[in-house]
Amino acid sequence: MVDKAKLAQVSPGVCPPEGCPPPTRIECIVVDKVYDSCFQIHDLNRDFTITTGTEGEFETGTFVLGDVIPCALAEAGISCTEISRTPVGEGFFTITLLVTVPLVLTNPNATEETVERTVTFTKTVTLCCPEGVGPDCSESTIVMCSCVVSLVGEGEITITCNIQVCLVTKCILTVQLLVPSYGFCVPAPCVTLPGVCPPTPPAQCF
């Protein structure tokens, strides 16, 4: 028989040494199921041309070789598109992806002047990714982006960028799952000094 008093004490966190009580319900919830995932660091090198001067993309200031150009990931984030897939057995597929990395380059002489450039590359992965389940790369990020002026021309400059991308690839599908449940969560009263929060999950790339 379920211990009603024990169930009343169930809350998020670690189970007591004697174990958690049995669930009281089976719920159907809608979640994103991750069939498989992987990550890898990619080092990229790209040259970009930016126009300068009164009507250029960078209107303010002059540039010399070696000038550092601030670089960051654009708000759109990293994305990927499936190009092809080949079955390799037991639900696994070798998938070729086109990865798109949008960058924002900032004029060091005027931070309000920015331009966007896009870096693309292909990546092949083998994942459990059933038909109808598409790869997702939205959790990917830039680990490092270093750009300098490598050539100064008439009305334009060439910027050379070294970019390190942490590519996180997941095969995700929104599904309905049956899960054991204790019912709905009931918030506890707020306190002045909070307890110890769970630690931040470790980063997937270093």
N, C-alpha and C. Protein backbone atom coordinates (compact mmCIF):
# COMPACT_ATOMS: atom_id res chain seq x y z
N MET A 1 0.85 -1.20 0.00
CA MET A 1 0.00 0.00 0.00
C MET A 1 0.88 1.25 0.00
N VAL A 2 0.47 2.27 -0.74
CA VAL A 2 1.23 3.50 -0.81
C VAL A 2 1.11 4.28 0.48
N ASP A 3 2.24 4.73 1.02
CA ASP A 3 2.27 5.52 2.24
C ASP A 3 1.90 6.96 1.90
N LYS A 4 0.67 7.39 2.27
CA LYS A 4 0.19 8.72 1.91
C LYS A 4 1.07 9.82 2.50
N ALA A 5 1.52 9.62 3.74
CA ALA A 5 2.35 10.64 4.38
C ALA A 5 3.68 10.78 3.65
N LYS A 6 4.23 9.66 3.20
CA LYS A 6 5.50 9.69 2.50
C LYS A 6 5.36 10.38 1.15
N LEU A 7 4.23 10.09 0.47
CA LEU A 7 4.00 10.73 -0.82
C LEU A 7 3.89 12.23 -0.68
N ALA A 8 3.33 12.71 0.42
CA ALA A 8 3.15 14.14 0.61
C ALA A 8 4.49 14.86 0.71
N GLN A 9 5.56 14.13 1.03
CA GLN A 9 6.88 14.74 1.17
C GLN A 9 7.71 14.68 -0.11
N VAL A 10 7.17 14.04 -1.14
CA VAL A 10 7.93 13.91 -2.38
C VAL A 10 8.10 15.29 -3.02
N SER A 11 9.34 15.62 -3.38
CA SER A 11 9.65 16.91 -4.01
C SER A 11 10.84 16.72 -4.93
N PRO A 12 11.08 17.67 -5.83
CA PRO A 12 12.24 17.53 -6.73
C PRO A 12 13.54 17.41 -5.94
N GLY A 13 14.42 16.57 -6.42
CA GLY A 13 15.70 16.38 -5.75
C GLY A 13 16.09 14.92 -5.68
N VAL A 14 17.09 14.63 -4.86
CA VAL A 14 17.62 13.28 -4.72
C VAL A 14 16.69 12.46 -3.84
N CYS A 15 16.51 11.17 -4.19
CA CYS A 15 15.70 10.27 -3.38
C CYS A 15 16.38 10.00 -2.04
N PRO A 16 15.63 9.76 -0.96
CA PRO A 16 16.22 9.42 0.33
C PRO A 16 16.90 8.05 0.26
N PRO A 17 17.77 7.71 1.24
CA PRO A 17 18.49 6.43 1.22
C PRO A 17 17.57 5.22 1.09
N GLU A 18 16.38 5.31 1.69
CA GLU A 18 15.45 4.17 1.63
C GLU A 18 14.72 4.08 0.29
N GLY A 19 14.95 5.04 -0.60
CA GLY A 19 14.35 5.01 -1.92
C GLY A 19 13.12 5.88 -2.04
N CYS A 20 12.73 6.17 -3.29
CA CYS A 20 11.53 6.97 -3.54
C CYS A 20 10.29 6.09 -3.48
N PRO A 21 9.18 6.65 -3.08
CA PRO A 21 7.93 5.87 -3.07
C PRO A 21 7.47 5.58 -4.49
N PRO A 22 6.60 4.60 -4.69
CA PRO A 22 6.11 4.29 -6.03
C PRO A 22 5.25 5.44 -6.57
N PRO A 23 5.23 5.63 -7.89
CA PRO A 23 4.39 6.69 -8.47
C PRO A 23 2.92 6.39 -8.26
N THR A 24 2.11 7.43 -8.33
CA THR A 24 0.67 7.28 -8.14
C THR A 24 -0.12 7.41 -9.44
N ARG A 25 0.54 7.89 -10.51
CA ARG A 25 -0.15 8.09 -11.77
C ARG A 25 0.78 7.76 -12.93
N ILE A 26 0.19 7.55 -14.10
CA ILE A 26 0.92 7.45 -15.36
C ILE A 26 0.43 8.59 -16.23
N GLU A 27 1.34 9.49 -16.61
CA GLU A 27 0.96 10.67 -17.38
C GLU A 27 1.43 10.55 -18.82
N CYS A 28 0.70 11.20 -19.74
CA CYS A 28 1.12 11.33 -21.13
C CYS A 28 1.60 12.77 -21.31
N ILE A 29 2.89 12.94 -21.63
CA ILE A 29 3.45 14.27 -21.79
C ILE A 29 4.04 14.42 -23.18
N VAL A 30 4.09 15.66 -23.67
CA VAL A 30 4.69 15.96 -24.96
C VAL A 30 6.09 16.50 -24.70
N VAL A 31 7.10 15.82 -25.26
CA VAL A 31 8.49 16.22 -25.04
C VAL A 31 9.29 16.08 -26.33
N ASP A 32 10.45 16.70 -26.34
CA ASP A 32 11.40 16.50 -27.43
C ASP A 32 12.28 15.31 -27.07
N LYS A 33 12.14 14.23 -27.82
CA LYS A 33 12.95 13.03 -27.57
C LYS A 33 14.23 13.13 -28.39
N VAL A 34 15.38 12.97 -27.71
CA VAL A 34 16.68 12.96 -28.37
C VAL A 34 17.05 11.51 -28.66
N TYR A 35 17.02 11.13 -29.94
CA TYR A 35 17.35 9.76 -30.31
C TYR A 35 18.86 9.51 -30.21
N ASP A 36 19.65 10.50 -30.57
CA ASP A 36 21.10 10.36 -30.53
C ASP A 36 21.71 11.75 -30.65
N SER A 37 22.97 11.88 -30.24
CA SER A 37 23.65 13.18 -30.33
C SER A 37 25.16 12.98 -30.30
N CYS A 38 25.87 14.00 -30.77
CA CYS A 38 27.33 13.99 -30.72
C CYS A 38 27.83 15.42 -30.83
N PHE A 39 29.10 15.64 -30.47
CA PHE A 39 29.68 16.97 -30.64
C PHE A 39 31.13 16.83 -31.08
N GLN A 40 31.61 17.89 -31.71
CA GLN A 40 33.00 17.91 -32.18
C GLN A 40 33.44 19.35 -32.39
N ILE A 41 34.72 19.61 -32.09
CA ILE A 41 35.31 20.93 -32.32
C ILE A 41 35.83 21.00 -33.76
N HIS A 42 35.51 22.11 -34.44
CA HIS A 42 35.98 22.32 -35.81
C HIS A 42 36.77 23.62 -35.87
N ASP A 43 37.97 23.58 -36.41
CA ASP A 43 38.79 24.77 -36.61
C ASP A 43 38.67 25.21 -38.07
N LEU A 44 38.26 26.45 -38.27
CA LEU A 44 38.02 26.98 -39.61
C LEU A 44 38.85 28.24 -39.82
N ASN A 45 39.21 28.49 -41.07
CA ASN A 45 39.93 29.70 -41.45
C ASN A 45 39.25 30.29 -42.68
N ARG A 46 38.85 31.56 -42.60
CA ARG A 46 38.14 32.19 -43.70
C ARG A 46 38.62 33.62 -43.91
N ASP A 47 38.59 34.06 -45.18
CA ASP A 47 38.88 35.45 -45.54
C ASP A 47 37.58 36.13 -45.97
N PHE A 48 37.39 37.37 -45.51
CA PHE A 48 36.21 38.15 -45.89
C PHE A 48 36.66 39.52 -46.41
N THR A 49 35.97 40.02 -47.43
CA THR A 49 36.23 41.36 -47.94
C THR A 49 35.15 42.30 -47.45
N ILE A 50 35.57 43.45 -46.92
CA ILE A 50 34.64 44.46 -46.41
C ILE A 50 34.98 45.79 -47.07
N THR A 51 33.96 46.46 -47.60
CA THR A 51 34.19 47.76 -48.22
C THR A 51 34.33 48.83 -47.14
N THR A 52 35.14 49.84 -47.44
CA THR A 52 35.40 50.92 -46.48
C THR A 52 35.18 52.28 -47.13
N GLY A 53 35.15 53.30 -46.30
CA GLY A 53 34.97 54.66 -46.82
C GLY A 53 33.57 55.18 -46.61
N THR A 54 33.29 56.32 -47.17
CA THR A 54 32.04 57.03 -46.93
C THR A 54 30.81 56.18 -47.22
N GLU A 55 30.83 55.42 -48.29
CA GLU A 55 29.66 54.61 -48.65
C GLU A 55 29.94 53.12 -48.47
N GLY A 56 30.96 52.81 -47.70
CA GLY A 56 31.30 51.40 -47.49
C GLY A 56 30.55 50.79 -46.32
N GLU A 57 30.82 49.52 -46.09
CA GLU A 57 30.21 48.82 -44.95
C GLU A 57 30.81 49.32 -43.64
N PHE A 58 32.13 49.54 -43.64
CA PHE A 58 32.81 50.21 -42.53
C PHE A 58 33.12 51.63 -42.99
N GLU A 59 32.36 52.62 -42.52
CA GLU A 59 32.51 53.99 -43.00
C GLU A 59 33.54 54.78 -42.19
N THR A 60 33.75 54.39 -40.93
CA THR A 60 34.53 55.22 -40.02
C THR A 60 35.96 54.71 -39.85
N GLY A 61 36.92 55.63 -39.86
CA GLY A 61 38.30 55.31 -39.52
C GLY A 61 39.10 54.75 -40.68
N THR A 62 40.39 54.58 -40.39
CA THR A 62 41.30 53.97 -41.36
C THR A 62 41.79 52.65 -40.80
N PHE A 63 42.33 51.81 -41.68
CA PHE A 63 42.73 50.47 -41.27
C PHE A 63 44.15 50.19 -41.73
N VAL A 64 44.87 49.44 -40.90
CA VAL A 64 46.23 49.01 -41.25
C VAL A 64 46.33 47.51 -41.00
N LEU A 65 47.35 46.90 -41.58
CA LEU A 65 47.55 45.47 -41.40
C LEU A 65 47.66 45.12 -39.92
N GLY A 66 46.99 44.07 -39.53
CA GLY A 66 47.06 43.60 -38.15
C GLY A 66 45.98 44.15 -37.24
N ASP A 67 45.18 45.11 -37.72
CA ASP A 67 44.08 45.61 -36.90
C ASP A 67 43.16 44.46 -36.51
N VAL A 68 42.77 44.42 -35.23
CA VAL A 68 41.87 43.38 -34.75
C VAL A 68 40.43 43.78 -35.02
N ILE A 69 39.67 42.88 -35.61
CA ILE A 69 38.25 43.13 -35.90
C ILE A 69 37.41 42.23 -34.99
N PRO A 70 36.64 42.83 -34.07
CA PRO A 70 35.80 42.01 -33.18
C PRO A 70 34.85 41.13 -33.97
N CYS A 71 34.68 39.90 -33.49
CA CYS A 71 33.87 38.90 -34.19
C CYS A 71 33.01 38.17 -33.18
N ALA A 72 31.76 37.90 -33.54
CA ALA A 72 30.83 37.19 -32.65
C ALA A 72 29.82 36.41 -33.47
N LEU A 73 29.17 35.46 -32.82
CA LEU A 73 28.11 34.69 -33.47
C LEU A 73 26.87 35.56 -33.61
N ALA A 74 26.27 35.56 -34.79
CA ALA A 74 25.05 36.34 -35.02
C ALA A 74 23.88 35.75 -34.25
N GLU A 75 22.87 36.58 -34.04
CA GLU A 75 21.71 36.19 -33.23
C GLU A 75 20.99 34.96 -33.79
N ALA A 76 21.02 34.79 -35.10
CA ALA A 76 20.32 33.65 -35.71
C ALA A 76 20.86 32.31 -35.23
N GLY A 77 22.12 32.27 -34.85
CA GLY A 77 22.71 31.04 -34.34
C GLY A 77 23.11 30.08 -35.45
N ILE A 78 23.80 29.02 -35.04
CA ILE A 78 24.30 28.02 -35.98
C ILE A 78 23.16 27.05 -36.36
N SER A 79 23.10 26.72 -37.63
CA SER A 79 22.08 25.80 -38.12
C SER A 79 22.70 24.79 -39.07
N CYS A 80 21.95 23.74 -39.35
CA CYS A 80 22.45 22.74 -40.31
C CYS A 80 21.28 22.20 -41.12
N THR A 81 21.61 21.81 -42.35
CA THR A 81 20.62 21.25 -43.27
C THR A 81 21.11 19.89 -43.75
N GLU A 82 20.22 18.92 -43.71
CA GLU A 82 20.59 17.58 -44.17
C GLU A 82 20.73 17.55 -45.69
N ILE A 83 21.87 17.09 -46.17
CA ILE A 83 22.10 16.96 -47.61
C ILE A 83 21.77 15.56 -48.09
N SER A 84 22.22 14.57 -47.33
CA SER A 84 21.96 13.18 -47.72
C SER A 84 22.11 12.28 -46.49
N ARG A 85 21.56 11.07 -46.60
CA ARG A 85 21.73 10.08 -45.54
C ARG A 85 21.81 8.68 -46.15
N THR A 86 22.63 7.84 -45.53
CA THR A 86 22.81 6.47 -45.99
C THR A 86 22.62 5.53 -44.81
N PRO A 87 21.69 4.56 -44.91
CA PRO A 87 21.49 3.63 -43.79
C PRO A 87 22.71 2.73 -43.60
N VAL A 88 23.07 2.51 -42.34
CA VAL A 88 24.19 1.62 -42.02
C VAL A 88 23.76 0.48 -41.10
N GLY A 89 22.45 0.33 -40.89
CA GLY A 89 21.92 -0.79 -40.12
C GLY A 89 21.52 -0.43 -38.70
N GLU A 90 20.53 -1.17 -38.19
CA GLU A 90 20.05 -1.05 -36.81
C GLU A 90 19.59 0.37 -36.47
N GLY A 91 18.99 1.04 -37.43
CA GLY A 91 18.45 2.38 -37.19
C GLY A 91 19.45 3.50 -37.30
N PHE A 92 20.71 3.17 -37.61
CA PHE A 92 21.74 4.21 -37.74
C PHE A 92 21.88 4.65 -39.19
N PHE A 93 22.21 5.94 -39.35
CA PHE A 93 22.40 6.51 -40.67
C PHE A 93 23.67 7.36 -40.67
N THR A 94 24.38 7.32 -41.79
CA THR A 94 25.48 8.26 -42.01
C THR A 94 24.88 9.46 -42.73
N ILE A 95 24.92 10.61 -42.06
CA ILE A 95 24.23 11.81 -42.54
C ILE A 95 25.25 12.89 -42.88
N THR A 96 25.09 13.48 -44.06
CA THR A 96 25.93 14.60 -44.46
C THR A 96 25.15 15.89 -44.27
N LEU A 97 25.75 16.84 -43.56
CA LEU A 97 25.09 18.09 -43.21
C LEU A 97 25.82 19.28 -43.83
N LEU A 98 25.04 20.30 -44.18
CA LEU A 98 25.60 21.60 -44.53
C LEU A 98 25.41 22.49 -43.31
N VAL A 99 26.51 22.89 -42.69
CA VAL A 99 26.46 23.69 -41.46
C VAL A 99 26.65 25.16 -41.81
N THR A 100 25.80 26.03 -41.25
CA THR A 100 25.84 27.46 -41.51
C THR A 100 26.16 28.20 -40.21
N VAL A 101 27.22 29.00 -40.24
CA VAL A 101 27.64 29.76 -39.06
C VAL A 101 27.60 31.26 -39.41
N PRO A 102 26.60 32.01 -38.94
CA PRO A 102 26.53 33.45 -39.23
C PRO A 102 27.37 34.25 -38.23
N LEU A 103 28.19 35.15 -38.76
CA LEU A 103 29.08 35.95 -37.92
C LEU A 103 28.73 37.43 -38.01
N VAL A 104 29.00 38.15 -36.93
CA VAL A 104 28.89 39.60 -36.92
C VAL A 104 30.29 40.17 -36.72
N LEU A 105 30.75 40.99 -37.68
CA LEU A 105 32.05 41.65 -37.60
C LEU A 105 31.83 43.12 -37.31
N THR A 106 32.58 43.66 -36.34
CA THR A 106 32.37 45.03 -35.87
C THR A 106 33.56 45.91 -36.20
N ASN A 107 33.27 47.13 -36.68
CA ASN A 107 34.31 48.11 -36.96
C ASN A 107 34.91 48.57 -35.63
N PRO A 108 36.20 48.34 -35.39
CA PRO A 108 36.80 48.74 -34.11
C PRO A 108 36.82 50.26 -33.91
N ASN A 109 36.66 51.03 -34.99
CA ASN A 109 36.65 52.49 -34.90
C ASN A 109 35.26 53.03 -34.59
N ALA A 110 34.22 52.20 -34.77
CA ALA A 110 32.84 52.64 -34.52
C ALA A 110 32.00 51.38 -34.29
N THR A 111 31.70 51.06 -33.04
CA THR A 111 31.05 49.79 -32.70
C THR A 111 29.63 49.67 -33.25
N GLU A 112 29.05 50.80 -33.67
CA GLU A 112 27.70 50.73 -34.25
C GLU A 112 27.73 50.24 -35.69
N GLU A 113 28.90 50.18 -36.30
CA GLU A 113 29.03 49.72 -37.68
C GLU A 113 29.38 48.23 -37.69
N THR A 114 28.46 47.42 -38.13
CA THR A 114 28.68 45.97 -38.16
C THR A 114 28.29 45.41 -39.52
N VAL A 115 28.88 44.29 -39.86
CA VAL A 115 28.50 43.57 -41.07
C VAL A 115 28.36 42.10 -40.70
N GLU A 116 27.54 41.41 -41.46
CA GLU A 116 27.36 39.98 -41.24
C GLU A 116 27.98 39.20 -42.39
N ARG A 117 28.66 38.14 -42.04
CA ARG A 117 29.22 37.22 -43.01
C ARG A 117 28.86 35.80 -42.58
N THR A 118 28.79 34.90 -43.53
CA THR A 118 28.38 33.52 -43.24
C THR A 118 29.48 32.54 -43.62
N VAL A 119 29.75 31.64 -42.71
CA VAL A 119 30.70 30.55 -42.96
C VAL A 119 29.90 29.26 -43.10
N THR A 120 30.17 28.50 -44.14
CA THR A 120 29.51 27.21 -44.31
C THR A 120 30.56 26.11 -44.47
N PHE A 121 30.22 24.92 -44.00
CA PHE A 121 31.08 23.75 -44.21
C PHE A 121 30.22 22.50 -44.11
N THR A 122 30.71 21.40 -44.62
CA THR A 122 29.97 20.14 -44.56
C THR A 122 30.52 19.27 -43.43
N LYS A 123 29.63 18.47 -42.87
CA LYS A 123 30.00 17.58 -41.78
C LYS A 123 29.25 16.26 -41.97
N THR A 124 29.95 15.15 -41.80
CA THR A 124 29.33 13.84 -41.90
C THR A 124 29.35 13.16 -40.54
N VAL A 125 28.18 12.70 -40.09
CA VAL A 125 28.05 12.04 -38.80
C VAL A 125 27.26 10.75 -38.97
N THR A 126 27.46 9.82 -38.05
CA THR A 126 26.66 8.60 -38.01
C THR A 126 25.89 8.58 -36.70
N LEU A 127 24.56 8.64 -36.81
CA LEU A 127 23.70 8.74 -35.64
C LEU A 127 22.47 7.84 -35.79
N CYS A 128 21.86 7.52 -34.66
CA CYS A 128 20.56 6.86 -34.68
C CYS A 128 19.53 7.95 -34.96
N CYS A 129 19.07 8.01 -36.18
CA CYS A 129 18.21 9.12 -36.62
C CYS A 129 17.16 8.55 -37.57
N PRO A 130 16.09 7.93 -37.04
CA PRO A 130 15.09 7.27 -37.88
C PRO A 130 14.50 8.19 -38.93
N GLU A 131 13.95 7.59 -39.97
CA GLU A 131 13.29 8.36 -41.02
C GLU A 131 12.21 9.24 -40.39
N GLY A 132 12.16 10.49 -40.80
CA GLY A 132 11.22 11.44 -40.23
C GLY A 132 11.80 12.26 -39.09
N VAL A 133 12.97 11.86 -38.61
CA VAL A 133 13.65 12.60 -37.55
C VAL A 133 14.81 13.37 -38.17
N GLY A 134 14.78 14.69 -38.06
CA GLY A 134 15.82 15.51 -38.69
C GLY A 134 16.89 15.92 -37.70
N PRO A 135 18.12 16.12 -38.18
CA PRO A 135 19.20 16.59 -37.31
C PRO A 135 18.99 18.05 -36.92
N ASP A 136 19.47 18.39 -35.73
CA ASP A 136 19.36 19.75 -35.21
C ASP A 136 20.72 20.18 -34.68
N CYS A 137 21.16 21.40 -35.04
CA CYS A 137 22.47 21.90 -34.62
C CYS A 137 22.35 23.20 -33.83
N SER A 138 21.15 23.52 -33.34
CA SER A 138 20.91 24.82 -32.73
C SER A 138 21.66 25.04 -31.42
N GLU A 139 22.12 23.97 -30.78
CA GLU A 139 22.87 24.12 -29.53
C GLU A 139 24.36 24.35 -29.78
N SER A 140 24.76 24.38 -31.04
CA SER A 140 26.16 24.62 -31.36
C SER A 140 26.53 26.07 -31.05
N THR A 141 27.82 26.31 -30.87
CA THR A 141 28.26 27.65 -30.54
C THR A 141 29.69 27.88 -31.05
N ILE A 142 30.12 29.12 -30.95
CA ILE A 142 31.50 29.47 -31.30
C ILE A 142 32.34 29.47 -30.03
N VAL A 143 33.40 28.71 -30.02
CA VAL A 143 34.32 28.69 -28.89
C VAL A 143 35.28 29.88 -28.98
N MET A 144 35.72 30.19 -30.19
CA MET A 144 36.68 31.28 -30.40
C MET A 144 36.54 31.83 -31.80
N CYS A 145 36.67 33.15 -31.92
CA CYS A 145 36.69 33.79 -33.24
C CYS A 145 37.68 34.95 -33.19
N SER A 146 38.74 34.84 -33.96
CA SER A 146 39.80 35.86 -33.97
C SER A 146 39.99 36.36 -35.40
N CYS A 147 39.79 37.67 -35.60
CA CYS A 147 39.87 38.25 -36.94
C CYS A 147 40.84 39.43 -36.96
N VAL A 148 41.65 39.52 -38.00
CA VAL A 148 42.57 40.64 -38.17
C VAL A 148 42.55 41.09 -39.62
N VAL A 149 42.94 42.34 -39.84
CA VAL A 149 43.05 42.86 -41.20
C VAL A 149 44.32 42.28 -41.82
N SER A 150 44.15 41.56 -42.93
CA SER A 150 45.29 40.91 -43.58
C SER A 150 45.68 41.58 -44.90
N LEU A 151 44.82 42.48 -45.41
CA LEU A 151 45.13 43.17 -46.66
C LEU A 151 44.34 44.48 -46.70
N VAL A 152 45.01 45.56 -47.07
CA VAL A 152 44.34 46.86 -47.18
C VAL A 152 44.41 47.29 -48.65
N GLY A 153 43.24 47.49 -49.25
CA GLY A 153 43.17 47.91 -50.64
C GLY A 153 42.47 49.24 -50.78
N GLU A 154 42.21 49.64 -52.00
CA GLU A 154 41.53 50.89 -52.28
C GLU A 154 40.02 50.70 -52.06
N GLY A 155 39.53 51.27 -50.98
CA GLY A 155 38.10 51.18 -50.69
C GLY A 155 37.65 49.85 -50.12
N GLU A 156 38.59 48.99 -49.73
CA GLU A 156 38.19 47.72 -49.13
C GLU A 156 39.35 47.14 -48.32
N ILE A 157 38.99 46.26 -47.42
CA ILE A 157 39.98 45.53 -46.64
C ILE A 157 39.63 44.04 -46.67
N THR A 158 40.65 43.21 -46.51
CA THR A 158 40.44 41.77 -46.37
C THR A 158 40.70 41.40 -44.92
N ILE A 159 39.76 40.67 -44.34
CA ILE A 159 39.86 40.24 -42.95
C ILE A 159 40.04 38.72 -42.93
N THR A 160 41.04 38.25 -42.21
CA THR A 160 41.26 36.81 -42.04
C THR A 160 40.79 36.40 -40.65
N CYS A 161 39.91 35.41 -40.61
CA CYS A 161 39.33 34.96 -39.35
C CYS A 161 39.69 33.51 -39.07
N ASN A 162 40.11 33.25 -37.84
CA ASN A 162 40.27 31.90 -37.34
C ASN A 162 39.12 31.63 -36.38
N ILE A 163 38.34 30.61 -36.71
CA ILE A 163 37.10 30.35 -35.98
C ILE A 163 37.12 28.92 -35.44
N GLN A 164 36.74 28.77 -34.19
CA GLN A 164 36.62 27.44 -33.59
C GLN A 164 35.15 27.23 -33.23
N VAL A 165 34.54 26.23 -33.85
CA VAL A 165 33.12 25.96 -33.68
C VAL A 165 32.93 24.66 -32.90
N CYS A 166 32.10 24.72 -31.88
CA CYS A 166 31.67 23.51 -31.18
C CYS A 166 30.35 23.09 -31.82
N LEU A 167 30.40 22.07 -32.66
CA LEU A 167 29.22 21.62 -33.39
C LEU A 167 28.53 20.51 -32.60
N VAL A 168 27.33 20.80 -32.12
CA VAL A 168 26.52 19.83 -31.39
C VAL A 168 25.38 19.39 -32.31
N THR A 169 25.35 18.11 -32.64
CA THR A 169 24.33 17.59 -33.55
C THR A 169 23.43 16.63 -32.78
N LYS A 170 22.12 16.87 -32.87
CA LYS A 170 21.14 16.01 -32.19
C LYS A 170 20.05 15.61 -33.17
N CYS A 171 19.56 14.38 -33.02
CA CYS A 171 18.39 13.92 -33.76
C CYS A 171 17.21 13.98 -32.80
N ILE A 172 16.32 14.95 -33.04
CA ILE A 172 15.24 15.26 -32.09
C ILE A 172 13.89 15.16 -32.79
N LEU A 173 12.91 14.61 -32.06
CA LEU A 173 11.53 14.56 -32.56
C LEU A 173 10.59 14.80 -31.39
N THR A 174 9.56 15.64 -31.60
CA THR A 174 8.56 15.86 -30.57
C THR A 174 7.61 14.66 -30.53
N VAL A 175 7.52 14.02 -29.35
CA VAL A 175 6.73 12.80 -29.21
C VAL A 175 5.86 12.88 -27.95
N GLN A 176 4.91 11.94 -27.85
CA GLN A 176 4.12 11.78 -26.64
C GLN A 176 4.65 10.57 -25.88
N LEU A 177 5.03 10.79 -24.62
CA LEU A 177 5.59 9.72 -23.81
C LEU A 177 4.73 9.46 -22.59
N LEU A 178 4.66 8.19 -22.19
CA LEU A 178 4.04 7.82 -20.92
C LEU A 178 5.12 7.80 -19.85
N VAL A 179 4.88 8.52 -18.75
CA VAL A 179 5.87 8.57 -17.67
C VAL A 179 5.18 8.38 -16.33
N PRO A 180 5.86 7.70 -15.38
CA PRO A 180 5.30 7.61 -14.02
C PRO A 180 5.32 8.98 -13.36
N SER A 181 4.34 9.26 -12.51
CA SER A 181 4.19 10.60 -11.95
C SER A 181 3.66 10.54 -10.53
N TYR A 182 4.00 11.59 -9.77
CA TYR A 182 3.42 11.79 -8.43
C TYR A 182 2.35 12.87 -8.48
N GLY A 183 1.96 13.31 -9.67
CA GLY A 183 0.98 14.38 -9.78
C GLY A 183 1.66 15.68 -10.13
N PHE A 184 1.03 16.80 -9.78
CA PHE A 184 1.55 18.11 -10.13
C PHE A 184 2.50 18.63 -9.06
N CYS A 185 3.46 19.49 -9.48
CA CYS A 185 4.38 20.13 -8.54
C CYS A 185 3.66 21.25 -7.80
N VAL A 186 3.90 21.34 -6.50
CA VAL A 186 3.34 22.41 -5.68
C VAL A 186 4.50 23.25 -5.16
N PRO A 187 4.57 24.55 -5.52
CA PRO A 187 5.68 25.39 -5.06
C PRO A 187 5.73 25.49 -3.54
N ALA A 188 6.95 25.55 -3.02
CA ALA A 188 7.14 25.75 -1.59
C ALA A 188 7.22 27.24 -1.30
N PRO A 189 6.96 27.66 -0.05
CA PRO A 189 7.08 29.07 0.30
C PRO A 189 8.50 29.57 0.06
N CYS A 190 8.63 30.82 -0.37
CA CYS A 190 9.96 31.40 -0.57
C CYS A 190 10.62 31.67 0.78
N VAL A 191 11.95 31.58 0.79
CA VAL A 191 12.70 31.86 2.00
C VAL A 191 13.73 32.94 1.71
N THR A 192 14.20 33.61 2.77
CA THR A 192 15.16 34.70 2.60
C THR A 192 16.49 34.18 2.09
N LEU A 193 16.99 33.09 2.68
CA LEU A 193 18.25 32.50 2.27
C LEU A 193 17.97 31.18 1.57
N PRO A 194 18.12 31.12 0.25
CA PRO A 194 17.80 29.87 -0.46
C PRO A 194 18.79 28.77 -0.13
N GLY A 195 18.35 27.55 -0.38
CA GLY A 195 19.23 26.41 -0.21
C GLY A 195 20.22 26.32 -1.35
N VAL A 196 20.96 25.24 -1.39
CA VAL A 196 21.96 25.06 -2.43
C VAL A 196 21.27 24.63 -3.72
N CYS A 197 21.44 25.42 -4.76
CA CYS A 197 20.83 25.08 -6.05
C CYS A 197 21.62 23.98 -6.72
N PRO A 198 21.01 23.21 -7.62
CA PRO A 198 21.78 22.22 -8.39
C PRO A 198 22.88 22.92 -9.17
N PRO A 199 24.04 22.30 -9.30
CA PRO A 199 25.14 22.95 -10.05
C PRO A 199 24.80 23.08 -11.51
N THR A 200 25.45 24.01 -12.17
CA THR A 200 25.26 24.20 -13.61
C THR A 200 25.79 22.98 -14.36
N PRO A 201 25.01 22.45 -15.33
CA PRO A 201 25.51 21.29 -16.09
C PRO A 201 26.84 21.62 -16.74
N PRO A 202 27.76 20.67 -16.82
CA PRO A 202 29.06 20.93 -17.43
C PRO A 202 28.93 21.24 -18.91
N ALA A 203 29.80 22.09 -19.41
CA ALA A 203 29.79 22.41 -20.84
C ALA A 203 30.14 21.19 -21.66
N GLN A 204 29.57 21.09 -22.86
CA GLN A 204 29.79 19.92 -23.69
C GLN A 204 31.10 20.01 -24.45
N CYS A 205 31.62 21.22 -24.59
CA CYS A 205 32.89 21.38 -25.32
C CYS A 205 33.83 22.22 -24.47
N PHE A 206 35.09 21.94 -24.60
CA PHE A 206 36.09 22.69 -23.85
C PHE A 206 37.12 23.26 -24.79
